[in-house]
């Protein structure tokens, strides 16, 4: 399938206000009446969800489609698509005007991957975003890597309660990461792998709790496997995002590894890397000021 993929990346480069939260909440309720949104002004994750949900609305406005001429749908597995309607034939979808999209966010970066075409094809799109950092903050990189390589119990507070960290890497993936002794490069490779797995799981509508080790991405050899069988027909676009974020009086630099996954139906799966991609052709970058300036126009 030949399709044009578009990605929108939104940086939350500053704190939001209560007024901005309310604007985003009210617009989400109007544009997505079948969705339930909690009103939690002081919860940053709630604002991330709302502001990310506005990316399809912004996309449709850029396509010059009024809110009254499109509807948002969802499959039983949670995959979203939009059907547009002609003004002369209200309620009748225009042929080949389904737009599949997937929303994702992590920390200060929100994103949407979208593609236009037949509904049965466009829903197979996913976006993975992984911030290049260790968790919890201050954890040595090698220890963080080992925790994701083996199933371990990790203390989460001073009362010695524990959480189980599931193993997320295969033997081949671990070997590919440790080919370098540069810890910063190790962390970057790890985040690419996690973003690859997340993008595929979201593109296929997998439920939470999916075993990451069922997927194997042999990035140096550009091969992918699920349950030991080669993945065929997938396109993976790998790119990085670097943003500056103001937190109070402090300006921080943050790096993210991002992957867009889409099922093309081709005989083999392909990997495309940032240096091979002309990002300006298919990736649009905006910040919180730009999307909030457009909010008042989005439901017009």
C-alpha atoms as a PDB file:
ATOM      1  CA  UNK A   1       0.000   0.000   0.000  1.00  0.00           C
ATOM      2  CA  UNK A   2       1.330   3.425  -0.976  1.00  0.00           C
ATOM      3  CA  UNK A   3       0.227   5.978   1.599  1.00  0.00           C
ATOM      4  CA  UNK A   4       1.311   9.362   2.898  1.00  0.00           C
ATOM      5  CA  UNK A   5       2.167   9.277   6.584  1.00  0.00           C
ATOM      6  CA  UNK A   6       2.047  12.493   8.579  1.00  0.00           C
ATOM      7  CA  UNK A   7       3.359  12.942  12.108  1.00  0.00           C
ATOM      8  CA  UNK A   8       2.678  15.855  14.455  1.00  0.00           C
ATOM      9  CA  UNK A   9       4.954  16.400  17.452  1.00  0.00           C
ATOM     10  CA  UNK A  10       3.819  18.775  20.192  1.00  0.00           C
ATOM     11  CA  UNK A  11       6.295  19.949  22.829  1.00  0.00           C
ATOM     12  CA  UNK A  12       4.922  20.981  26.215  1.00  0.00           C
ATOM     13  CA  UNK A  13       7.753  23.437  26.554  1.00  0.00           C
ATOM     14  CA  UNK A  14       6.292  25.308  29.526  1.00  0.00           C
ATOM     15  CA  UNK A  15       3.783  24.914  32.331  1.00  0.00           C
ATOM     16  CA  UNK A  16       0.079  25.211  31.456  1.00  0.00           C
ATOM     17  CA  UNK A  17      -2.491  27.465  33.117  1.00  0.00           C
ATOM     18  CA  UNK A  18      -5.893  26.571  34.576  1.00  0.00           C
ATOM     19  CA  UNK A  19      -7.527  28.588  31.793  1.00  0.00           C
ATOM     20  CA  UNK A  20      -5.647  26.637  29.125  1.00  0.00           C
ATOM     21  CA  UNK A  21      -6.668  23.379  30.768  1.00  0.00           C
ATOM     22  CA  UNK A  22     -10.310  24.430  30.722  1.00  0.00           C
ATOM     23  CA  UNK A  23     -10.134  25.467  27.057  1.00  0.00           C
ATOM     24  CA  UNK A  24      -8.649  22.125  26.059  1.00  0.00           C
ATOM     25  CA  UNK A  25     -11.181  20.201  28.159  1.00  0.00           C
ATOM     26  CA  UNK A  26     -14.209  21.989  26.724  1.00  0.00           C
ATOM     27  CA  UNK A  27     -13.025  21.568  23.134  1.00  0.00           C
ATOM     28  CA  UNK A  28     -12.326  17.850  23.633  1.00  0.00           C
ATOM     29  CA  UNK A  29     -15.842  17.367  24.996  1.00  0.00           C
ATOM     30  CA  UNK A  30     -17.367  19.099  21.968  1.00  0.00           C
ATOM     31  CA  UNK A  31     -15.272  17.327  19.338  1.00  0.00           C
ATOM     32  CA  UNK A  32     -15.278  13.859  20.931  1.00  0.00           C
ATOM     33  CA  UNK A  33     -18.703  13.514  22.595  1.00  0.00           C
ATOM     34  CA  UNK A  34     -18.390   9.730  22.913  1.00  0.00           C
ATOM     35  CA  UNK A  35     -15.195   9.949  24.957  1.00  0.00           C
ATOM     36  CA  UNK A  36     -15.116  10.506  28.698  1.00  0.00           C
ATOM     37  CA  UNK A  37     -12.640  13.077  29.968  1.00  0.00           C
ATOM     38  CA  UNK A  38     -11.983  13.707  33.643  1.00  0.00           C
ATOM     39  CA  UNK A  39     -11.686  17.318  34.762  1.00  0.00           C
ATOM     40  CA  UNK A  40      -8.493  17.374  36.834  1.00  0.00           C
ATOM     41  CA  UNK A  41      -6.893  20.765  36.430  1.00  0.00           C
ATOM     42  CA  UNK A  42      -3.837  20.110  38.575  1.00  0.00           C
ATOM     43  CA  UNK A  43      -2.991  16.725  37.041  1.00  0.00           C
ATOM     44  CA  UNK A  44      -0.274  17.133  34.347  1.00  0.00           C
ATOM     45  CA  UNK A  45      -1.135  13.729  32.826  1.00  0.00           C
ATOM     46  CA  UNK A  46      -4.746  14.844  32.386  1.00  0.00           C
ATOM     47  CA  UNK A  47      -3.574  17.927  30.497  1.00  0.00           C
ATOM     48  CA  UNK A  48      -1.221  15.825  28.347  1.00  0.00           C
ATOM     49  CA  UNK A  49      -4.131  13.590  27.396  1.00  0.00           C
ATOM     50  CA  UNK A  50      -6.398  16.536  26.533  1.00  0.00           C
ATOM     51  CA  UNK A  51      -3.849  18.526  24.553  1.00  0.00           C
ATOM     52  CA  UNK A  52      -2.780  15.427  22.632  1.00  0.00           C
ATOM     53  CA  UNK A  53      -6.439  14.686  21.844  1.00  0.00           C
ATOM     54  CA  UNK A  54      -6.613  18.062  20.101  1.00  0.00           C
ATOM     55  CA  UNK A  55      -4.007  17.071  17.514  1.00  0.00           C
ATOM     56  CA  UNK A  56      -6.591  15.296  15.257  1.00  0.00           C
ATOM     57  CA  UNK A  57      -8.782  18.390  15.518  1.00  0.00           C
ATOM     58  CA  UNK A  58      -5.880  20.593  14.447  1.00  0.00           C
ATOM     59  CA  UNK A  59      -5.066  18.194  11.604  1.00  0.00           C
ATOM     60  CA  UNK A  60      -8.646  18.327  10.289  1.00  0.00           C
ATOM     61  CA  UNK A  61      -8.646  22.117  10.392  1.00  0.00           C
ATOM     62  CA  UNK A  62      -5.434  22.137   8.351  1.00  0.00           C
ATOM     63  CA  UNK A  63      -7.270  19.924   5.864  1.00  0.00           C
ATOM     64  CA  UNK A  64     -10.050  22.557   5.834  1.00  0.00           C
ATOM     65  CA  UNK A  65     -12.643  20.104   7.160  1.00  0.00           C
ATOM     66  CA  UNK A  66     -15.119  21.597   9.626  1.00  0.00           C
ATOM     67  CA  UNK A  67     -15.924  19.639  12.828  1.00  0.00           C
ATOM     68  CA  UNK A  68     -19.471  19.149  11.562  1.00  0.00           C
ATOM     69  CA  UNK A  69     -18.101  17.281   8.526  1.00  0.00           C
ATOM     70  CA  UNK A  70     -16.121  14.561  10.290  1.00  0.00           C
ATOM     71  CA  UNK A  71     -16.677  11.881  12.910  1.00  0.00           C
ATOM     72  CA  UNK A  72     -14.238   9.934  15.049  1.00  0.00           C
ATOM     73  CA  UNK A  73     -14.625   6.141  15.306  1.00  0.00           C
ATOM     74  CA  UNK A  74     -12.870   3.437  17.303  1.00  0.00           C
ATOM     75  CA  UNK A  75     -12.430  -0.300  16.769  1.00  0.00           C
ATOM     76  CA  UNK A  76     -13.029  -2.788  19.625  1.00  0.00           C
ATOM     77  CA  UNK A  77      -9.257  -2.832  20.174  1.00  0.00           C
ATOM     78  CA  UNK A  78      -9.104   0.954  20.537  1.00  0.00           C
ATOM     79  CA  UNK A  79      -7.815   1.877  17.085  1.00  0.00           C
ATOM     80  CA  UNK A  80      -9.082   5.278  15.918  1.00  0.00           C
ATOM     81  CA  UNK A  81     -10.027   6.570  12.502  1.00  0.00           C
ATOM     82  CA  UNK A  82     -11.884   9.582  11.151  1.00  0.00           C
ATOM     83  CA  UNK A  83     -14.449   9.590   8.347  1.00  0.00           C
ATOM     84  CA  UNK A  84     -15.155  12.822   6.512  1.00  0.00           C
ATOM     85  CA  UNK A  85     -18.538  13.813   5.109  1.00  0.00           C
ATOM     86  CA  UNK A  86     -19.394  15.881   2.058  1.00  0.00           C
ATOM     87  CA  UNK A  87     -21.382  19.081   2.684  1.00  0.00           C
ATOM     88  CA  UNK A  88     -23.822  18.158  -0.090  1.00  0.00           C
ATOM     89  CA  UNK A  89     -24.434  14.670   1.302  1.00  0.00           C
ATOM     90  CA  UNK A  90     -24.510  14.970   5.089  1.00  0.00           C
ATOM     91  CA  UNK A  91     -23.954  11.698   6.885  1.00  0.00           C
ATOM     92  CA  UNK A  92     -22.496   9.872   3.865  1.00  0.00           C
ATOM     93  CA  UNK A  93     -18.731   9.174   4.054  1.00  0.00           C
ATOM     94  CA  UNK A  94     -16.733  10.253   1.048  1.00  0.00           C
ATOM     95  CA  UNK A  95     -14.901   7.368  -0.699  1.00  0.00           C
ATOM     96  CA  UNK A  96     -11.355   6.698   0.500  1.00  0.00           C
ATOM     97  CA  UNK A  97     -11.492   9.515   3.033  1.00  0.00           C
ATOM     98  CA  UNK A  98     -10.770   7.579   6.180  1.00  0.00           C
ATOM     99  CA  UNK A  99      -7.868   8.858   8.253  1.00  0.00           C
ATOM    100  CA  UNK A 100      -6.322   6.465  10.736  1.00  0.00           C
ATOM    101  CA  UNK A 101      -4.349   7.944  13.588  1.00  0.00           C
ATOM    102  CA  UNK A 102      -2.624   7.072  16.831  1.00  0.00           C
ATOM    103  CA  UNK A 103      -1.862   9.396  19.743  1.00  0.00           C
ATOM    104  CA  UNK A 104       1.016   9.040  22.186  1.00  0.00           C
ATOM    105  CA  UNK A 105       2.757  11.124  24.799  1.00  0.00           C
ATOM    106  CA  UNK A 106       5.569  10.858  27.306  1.00  0.00           C
ATOM    107  CA  UNK A 107       6.757  13.535  29.711  1.00  0.00           C
ATOM    108  CA  UNK A 108       7.017  16.798  27.709  1.00  0.00           C
ATOM    109  CA  UNK A 109       6.421  15.397  24.206  1.00  0.00           C
ATOM    110  CA  UNK A 110       3.062  14.528  22.644  1.00  0.00           C
ATOM    111  CA  UNK A 111       2.565  13.103  19.179  1.00  0.00           C
ATOM    112  CA  UNK A 112       0.177  11.868  16.523  1.00  0.00           C
ATOM    113  CA  UNK A 113       0.833   9.608  13.543  1.00  0.00           C
ATOM    114  CA  UNK A 114      -1.817   9.691  10.810  1.00  0.00           C
ATOM    115  CA  UNK A 115      -2.417   8.213   7.367  1.00  0.00           C
ATOM    116  CA  UNK A 116      -5.222   8.530   4.798  1.00  0.00           C
ATOM    117  CA  UNK A 117      -6.769   5.652   2.859  1.00  0.00           C
ATOM    118  CA  UNK A 118      -9.268   2.762   3.188  1.00  0.00           C
ATOM    119  CA  UNK A 119     -10.393   2.260   6.790  1.00  0.00           C
ATOM    120  CA  UNK A 120      -9.252  -1.361   7.003  1.00  0.00           C
ATOM    121  CA  UNK A 121      -5.698  -0.280   6.213  1.00  0.00           C
ATOM    122  CA  UNK A 122      -5.231   3.085   7.899  1.00  0.00           C
ATOM    123  CA  UNK A 123      -5.988   1.843  11.411  1.00  0.00           C
ATOM    124  CA  UNK A 124      -2.710  -0.119  11.409  1.00  0.00           C
ATOM    125  CA  UNK A 125      -0.556   2.816  12.463  1.00  0.00           C
ATOM    126  CA  UNK A 126       1.227   3.403  15.755  1.00  0.00           C
ATOM    127  CA  UNK A 127       3.605   5.870  17.377  1.00  0.00           C
ATOM    128  CA  UNK A 128       6.154   5.053  20.055  1.00  0.00           C
ATOM    129  CA  UNK A 129       7.812   7.794  22.134  1.00  0.00           C
ATOM    130  CA  UNK A 130      10.545   7.096  24.671  1.00  0.00           C
ATOM    131  CA  UNK A 131      12.451   9.772  26.558  1.00  0.00           C
ATOM    132  CA  UNK A 132      16.176   9.141  26.670  1.00  0.00           C
ATOM    133  CA  UNK A 133      16.618   8.921  30.428  1.00  0.00           C
ATOM    134  CA  UNK A 134      16.875   6.381  33.220  1.00  0.00           C
ATOM    135  CA  UNK A 135      14.119   5.686  35.725  1.00  0.00           C
ATOM    136  CA  UNK A 136      14.189   6.443  38.550  1.00  0.00           C
ATOM    137  CA  UNK A 137      16.398   9.491  38.062  1.00  0.00           C
ATOM    138  CA  UNK A 138      19.975   8.911  39.130  1.00  0.00           C
ATOM    139  CA  UNK A 139      19.987   5.178  38.368  1.00  0.00           C
ATOM    140  CA  UNK A 140      23.285   4.130  36.737  1.00  0.00           C
ATOM    141  CA  UNK A 141      22.709   3.400  33.047  1.00  0.00           C
ATOM    142  CA  UNK A 142      24.084  -0.135  33.232  1.00  0.00           C
ATOM    143  CA  UNK A 143      21.849  -0.964  36.213  1.00  0.00           C
ATOM    144  CA  UNK A 144      18.799   0.439  34.381  1.00  0.00           C
ATOM    145  CA  UNK A 145      19.705  -1.647  31.351  1.00  0.00           C
ATOM    146  CA  UNK A 146      20.074  -4.794  33.448  1.00  0.00           C
ATOM    147  CA  UNK A 147      16.665  -4.235  35.053  1.00  0.00           C
ATOM    148  CA  UNK A 148      15.037  -4.252  31.637  1.00  0.00           C
ATOM    149  CA  UNK A 149      17.066  -7.277  30.545  1.00  0.00           C
ATOM    150  CA  UNK A 150      16.003  -9.510  33.433  1.00  0.00           C
ATOM    151  CA  UNK A 151      12.828  -9.907  35.455  1.00  0.00           C
ATOM    152  CA  UNK A 152      13.717  -8.339  38.822  1.00  0.00           C
ATOM    153  CA  UNK A 153      12.093  -6.937  41.928  1.00  0.00           C
ATOM    154  CA  UNK A 154      12.891  -3.307  42.626  1.00  0.00           C
ATOM    155  CA  UNK A 155      12.293  -1.326  45.825  1.00  0.00           C
ATOM    156  CA  UNK A 156       9.941   1.569  45.204  1.00  0.00           C
ATOM    157  CA  UNK A 157       9.979   3.316  48.593  1.00  0.00           C
ATOM    158  CA  UNK A 158      11.560   3.332  52.032  1.00  0.00           C
ATOM    159  CA  UNK A 159       8.932   0.941  53.394  1.00  0.00           C
ATOM    160  CA  UNK A 160      10.422  -1.793  51.197  1.00  0.00           C
ATOM    161  CA  UNK A 161       7.362  -2.417  49.084  1.00  0.00           C
ATOM    162  CA  UNK A 162       8.364  -3.842  45.725  1.00  0.00           C
ATOM    163  CA  UNK A 163       7.317  -3.712  42.112  1.00  0.00           C
ATOM    164  CA  UNK A 164       8.116  -6.335  39.496  1.00  0.00           C
ATOM    165  CA  UNK A 165       9.928  -5.039  36.424  1.00  0.00           C
ATOM    166  CA  UNK A 166       9.198  -7.436  33.538  1.00  0.00           C
ATOM    167  CA  UNK A 167      11.983  -8.397  31.176  1.00  0.00           C
ATOM    168  CA  UNK A 168      11.620  -6.385  27.971  1.00  0.00           C
ATOM    169  CA  UNK A 169      14.676  -7.338  25.903  1.00  0.00           C
ATOM    170  CA  UNK A 170      15.648 -10.509  24.058  1.00  0.00           C
ATOM    171  CA  UNK A 171      19.137 -11.994  23.991  1.00  0.00           C
ATOM    172  CA  UNK A 172      19.784 -10.594  20.487  1.00  0.00           C
ATOM    173  CA  UNK A 173      18.594  -7.106  21.479  1.00  0.00           C
ATOM    174  CA  UNK A 174      20.774  -7.110  24.584  1.00  0.00           C
ATOM    175  CA  UNK A 175      23.794  -8.150  22.517  1.00  0.00           C
ATOM    176  CA  UNK A 176      23.189  -5.384  19.987  1.00  0.00           C
ATOM    177  CA  UNK A 177      22.982  -2.761  22.736  1.00  0.00           C
ATOM    178  CA  UNK A 178      26.170  -3.880  24.452  1.00  0.00           C
ATOM    179  CA  UNK A 179      28.255  -3.776  21.294  1.00  0.00           C
ATOM    180  CA  UNK A 180      29.323  -0.323  22.483  1.00  0.00           C
ATOM    181  CA  UNK A 181      30.947   0.620  25.778  1.00  0.00           C
ATOM    182  CA  UNK A 182      29.580   4.170  25.498  1.00  0.00           C
ATOM    183  CA  UNK A 183      26.827   4.295  28.131  1.00  0.00           C
ATOM    184  CA  UNK A 184      25.041   7.230  26.485  1.00  0.00           C
ATOM    185  CA  UNK A 185      24.910   5.289  23.228  1.00  0.00           C
ATOM    186  CA  UNK A 186      23.663   2.216  25.086  1.00  0.00           C
ATOM    187  CA  UNK A 187      20.799   4.228  26.552  1.00  0.00           C
ATOM    188  CA  UNK A 188      19.918   5.655  23.146  1.00  0.00           C
ATOM    189  CA  UNK A 189      19.821   2.178  21.571  1.00  0.00           C
ATOM    190  CA  UNK A 190      17.693   0.896  24.434  1.00  0.00           C
ATOM    191  CA  UNK A 191      15.176   3.698  23.986  1.00  0.00           C
ATOM    192  CA  UNK A 192      14.971   3.047  20.233  1.00  0.00           C
ATOM    193  CA  UNK A 193      14.135  -0.598  20.934  1.00  0.00           C
ATOM    194  CA  UNK A 194      11.453   0.289  23.475  1.00  0.00           C
ATOM    195  CA  UNK A 195       9.932   2.853  21.081  1.00  0.00           C
ATOM    196  CA  UNK A 196       9.947   0.240  18.277  1.00  0.00           C
ATOM    197  CA  UNK A 197       8.062  -2.247  20.432  1.00  0.00           C
ATOM    198  CA  UNK A 198       5.600   0.374  21.628  1.00  0.00           C
ATOM    199  CA  UNK A 199       4.879   1.575  18.090  1.00  0.00           C
ATOM    200  CA  UNK A 200       4.147  -1.956  16.875  1.00  0.00           C
ATOM    201  CA  UNK A 201       1.938  -2.819  19.858  1.00  0.00           C
ATOM    202  CA  UNK A 202      -0.068   0.372  19.392  1.00  0.00           C
ATOM    203  CA  UNK A 203      -0.355  -0.151  15.628  1.00  0.00           C
ATOM    204  CA  UNK A 204      -1.786  -3.628  16.198  1.00  0.00           C
ATOM    205  CA  UNK A 205      -4.049  -2.631  19.089  1.00  0.00           C
ATOM    206  CA  UNK A 206      -2.491  -4.972  21.650  1.00  0.00           C
ATOM    207  CA  UNK A 207      -3.815  -4.763  25.218  1.00  0.00           C
ATOM    208  CA  UNK A 208      -1.718  -3.636  28.214  1.00  0.00           C
ATOM    209  CA  UNK A 209       0.509  -6.315  29.660  1.00  0.00           C
ATOM    210  CA  UNK A 210       1.744  -7.675  26.324  1.00  0.00           C
ATOM    211  CA  UNK A 211       5.042  -9.548  26.773  1.00  0.00           C
ATOM    212  CA  UNK A 212       7.710  -7.368  25.134  1.00  0.00           C
ATOM    213  CA  UNK A 213      10.028 -10.349  24.694  1.00  0.00           C
ATOM    214  CA  UNK A 214       7.609 -11.829  22.151  1.00  0.00           C
ATOM    215  CA  UNK A 215       8.908  -9.082  19.850  1.00  0.00           C
ATOM    216  CA  UNK A 216      12.502  -8.935  18.695  1.00  0.00           C
ATOM    217  CA  UNK A 217      14.016  -6.068  16.739  1.00  0.00           C
ATOM    218  CA  UNK A 218      17.444  -6.821  15.302  1.00  0.00           C
ATOM    219  CA  UNK A 219      18.058  -3.215  14.296  1.00  0.00           C
ATOM    220  CA  UNK A 220      21.629  -3.532  12.880  1.00  0.00           C
ATOM    221  CA  UNK A 221      20.390  -6.216  10.461  1.00  0.00           C
ATOM    222  CA  UNK A 222      17.003  -4.514   9.947  1.00  0.00           C
ATOM    223  CA  UNK A 223      14.980  -7.576  10.907  1.00  0.00           C
ATOM    224  CA  UNK A 224      11.929  -7.939  13.131  1.00  0.00           C
ATOM    225  CA  UNK A 225      10.272 -11.004  14.631  1.00  0.00           C
ATOM    226  CA  UNK A 226       7.114 -11.792  16.563  1.00  0.00           C
ATOM    227  CA  UNK A 227       6.986 -15.095  18.439  1.00  0.00           C
ATOM    228  CA  UNK A 228      10.048 -16.166  16.462  1.00  0.00           C
ATOM    229  CA  UNK A 229       8.423 -15.547  13.059  1.00  0.00           C
ATOM    230  CA  UNK A 230       9.551 -12.745  10.712  1.00  0.00           C
ATOM    231  CA  UNK A 231       7.297  -9.703  10.629  1.00  0.00           C
ATOM    232  CA  UNK A 232       6.314  -8.945   7.055  1.00  0.00           C
ATOM    233  CA  UNK A 233       4.741  -5.853   5.571  1.00  0.00           C
ATOM    234  CA  UNK A 234       5.716  -3.306   8.224  1.00  0.00           C
ATOM    235  CA  UNK A 235       7.442   0.030   7.832  1.00  0.00           C
ATOM    236  CA  UNK A 236       9.294   1.486  10.830  1.00  0.00           C
ATOM    237  CA  UNK A 237      10.452   5.105  10.720  1.00  0.00           C
ATOM    238  CA  UNK A 238      12.942   5.976  13.465  1.00  0.00           C
ATOM    239  CA  UNK A 239      13.747   9.571  14.401  1.00  0.00           C
ATOM    240  CA  UNK A 240      14.776  11.683  17.396  1.00  0.00           C
ATOM    241  CA  UNK A 241      13.260  14.797  18.920  1.00  0.00           C
ATOM    242  CA  UNK A 242      15.199  17.357  20.946  1.00  0.00           C
ATOM    243  CA  UNK A 243      13.232  19.996  22.838  1.00  0.00           C
ATOM    244  CA  UNK A 244      13.861  22.740  25.379  1.00  0.00           C
ATOM    245  CA  UNK A 245      11.474  22.744  28.337  1.00  0.00           C
ATOM    246  CA  UNK A 246      10.981  25.540  30.862  1.00  0.00           C
ATOM    247  CA  UNK A 247      10.225  24.328  34.370  1.00  0.00           C
ATOM    248  CA  UNK A 248       9.935  27.433  36.493  1.00  0.00           C
ATOM    249  CA  UNK A 249      13.109  29.445  35.964  1.00  0.00           C
ATOM    250  CA  UNK A 250      15.052  26.420  34.727  1.00  0.00           C
ATOM    251  CA  UNK A 251      15.399  25.540  31.029  1.00  0.00           C
ATOM    252  CA  UNK A 252      16.018  21.829  30.471  1.00  0.00           C
ATOM    253  CA  UNK A 253      17.011  19.992  27.313  1.00  0.00           C
ATOM    254  CA  UNK A 254      15.202  16.717  26.699  1.00  0.00           C
ATOM    255  CA  UNK A 255      15.823  14.036  24.075  1.00  0.00           C
ATOM    256  CA  UNK A 256      13.305  11.479  22.814  1.00  0.00           C
ATOM    257  CA  UNK A 257      13.518   8.516  20.466  1.00  0.00           C
ATOM    258  CA  UNK A 258      10.400   8.157  18.327  1.00  0.00           C
ATOM    259  CA  UNK A 259       9.168   5.445  15.979  1.00  0.00           C
ATOM    260  CA  UNK A 260       6.223   5.456  13.584  1.00  0.00           C
ATOM    261  CA  UNK A 261       5.025   1.962  12.607  1.00  0.00           C
ATOM    262  CA  UNK A 262       2.654   1.318   9.713  1.00  0.00           C
ATOM    263  CA  UNK A 263       1.499  -1.847   7.970  1.00  0.00           C
ATOM    264  CA  UNK A 264       2.088  -1.463   4.238  1.00  0.00           C
ATOM    265  CA  UNK A 265       1.457  -5.067   3.205  1.00  0.00           C
ATOM    266  CA  UNK A 266       4.768  -5.274   1.361  1.00  0.00           C
ATOM    267  CA  UNK A 267       6.640  -8.616   1.196  1.00  0.00           C
ATOM    268  CA  UNK A 268       9.236  -7.522   3.762  1.00  0.00           C
ATOM    269  CA  UNK A 269       9.452  -5.112   6.657  1.00  0.00           C
ATOM    270  CA  UNK A 270      11.624  -2.007   6.291  1.00  0.00           C
ATOM    271  CA  UNK A 271      13.480   0.297   8.655  1.00  0.00           C
ATOM    272  CA  UNK A 272      14.118   3.951   7.853  1.00  0.00           C
ATOM    273  CA  UNK A 273      16.416   6.070   9.994  1.00  0.00           C
ATOM    274  CA  UNK A 274      16.500   9.818  10.566  1.00  0.00           C
ATOM    275  CA  UNK A 275      19.519  10.397   8.340  1.00  0.00           C
ATOM    276  CA  UNK A 276      17.621   8.742   5.457  1.00  0.00           C
ATOM    277  CA  UNK A 277      14.378  10.623   6.000  1.00  0.00           C
ATOM    278  CA  UNK A 278      13.407  14.140   5.000  1.00  0.00           C
ATOM    279  CA  UNK A 279      11.577  14.919   8.232  1.00  0.00           C
ATOM    280  CA  UNK A 280      10.313  18.277   7.005  1.00  0.00           C
ATOM    281  CA  UNK A 281       8.139  16.494   4.440  1.00  0.00           C
ATOM    282  CA  UNK A 282       6.118  14.471   6.947  1.00  0.00           C
ATOM    283  CA  UNK A 283       6.850  15.652  10.507  1.00  0.00           C
ATOM    284  CA  UNK A 284       5.333  18.899  11.830  1.00  0.00           C
ATOM    285  CA  UNK A 285       6.583  20.325  15.132  1.00  0.00           C
ATOM    286  CA  UNK A 286       4.571  22.735  17.269  1.00  0.00           C
ATOM    287  CA  UNK A 287       4.618  23.866  20.890  1.00  0.00           C
ATOM    288  CA  UNK A 288       2.010  24.599  23.537  1.00  0.00           C
ATOM    289  CA  UNK A 289       1.755  28.284  22.606  1.00  0.00           C
ATOM    290  CA  UNK A 290       0.988  27.470  18.977  1.00  0.00           C
ATOM    291  CA  UNK A 291      -1.720  24.921  19.686  1.00  0.00           C
ATOM    292  CA  UNK A 292      -3.356  27.083  22.371  1.00  0.00           C
ATOM    293  CA  UNK A 293      -3.412  30.035  19.946  1.00  0.00           C
ATOM    294  CA  UNK A 294      -5.383  27.825  17.545  1.00  0.00           C
ATOM    295  CA  UNK A 295      -7.803  26.381  20.112  1.00  0.00           C
ATOM    296  CA  UNK A 296     -10.357  29.149  19.692  1.00  0.00           C
ATOM    297  CA  UNK A 297     -10.544  28.437  15.965  1.00  0.00           C
ATOM    298  CA  UNK A 298     -10.541  24.649  16.030  1.00  0.00           C
ATOM    299  CA  UNK A 299     -14.303  24.152  16.512  1.00  0.00           C
ATOM    300  CA  UNK A 300     -15.324  26.977  14.185  1.00  0.00           C
END
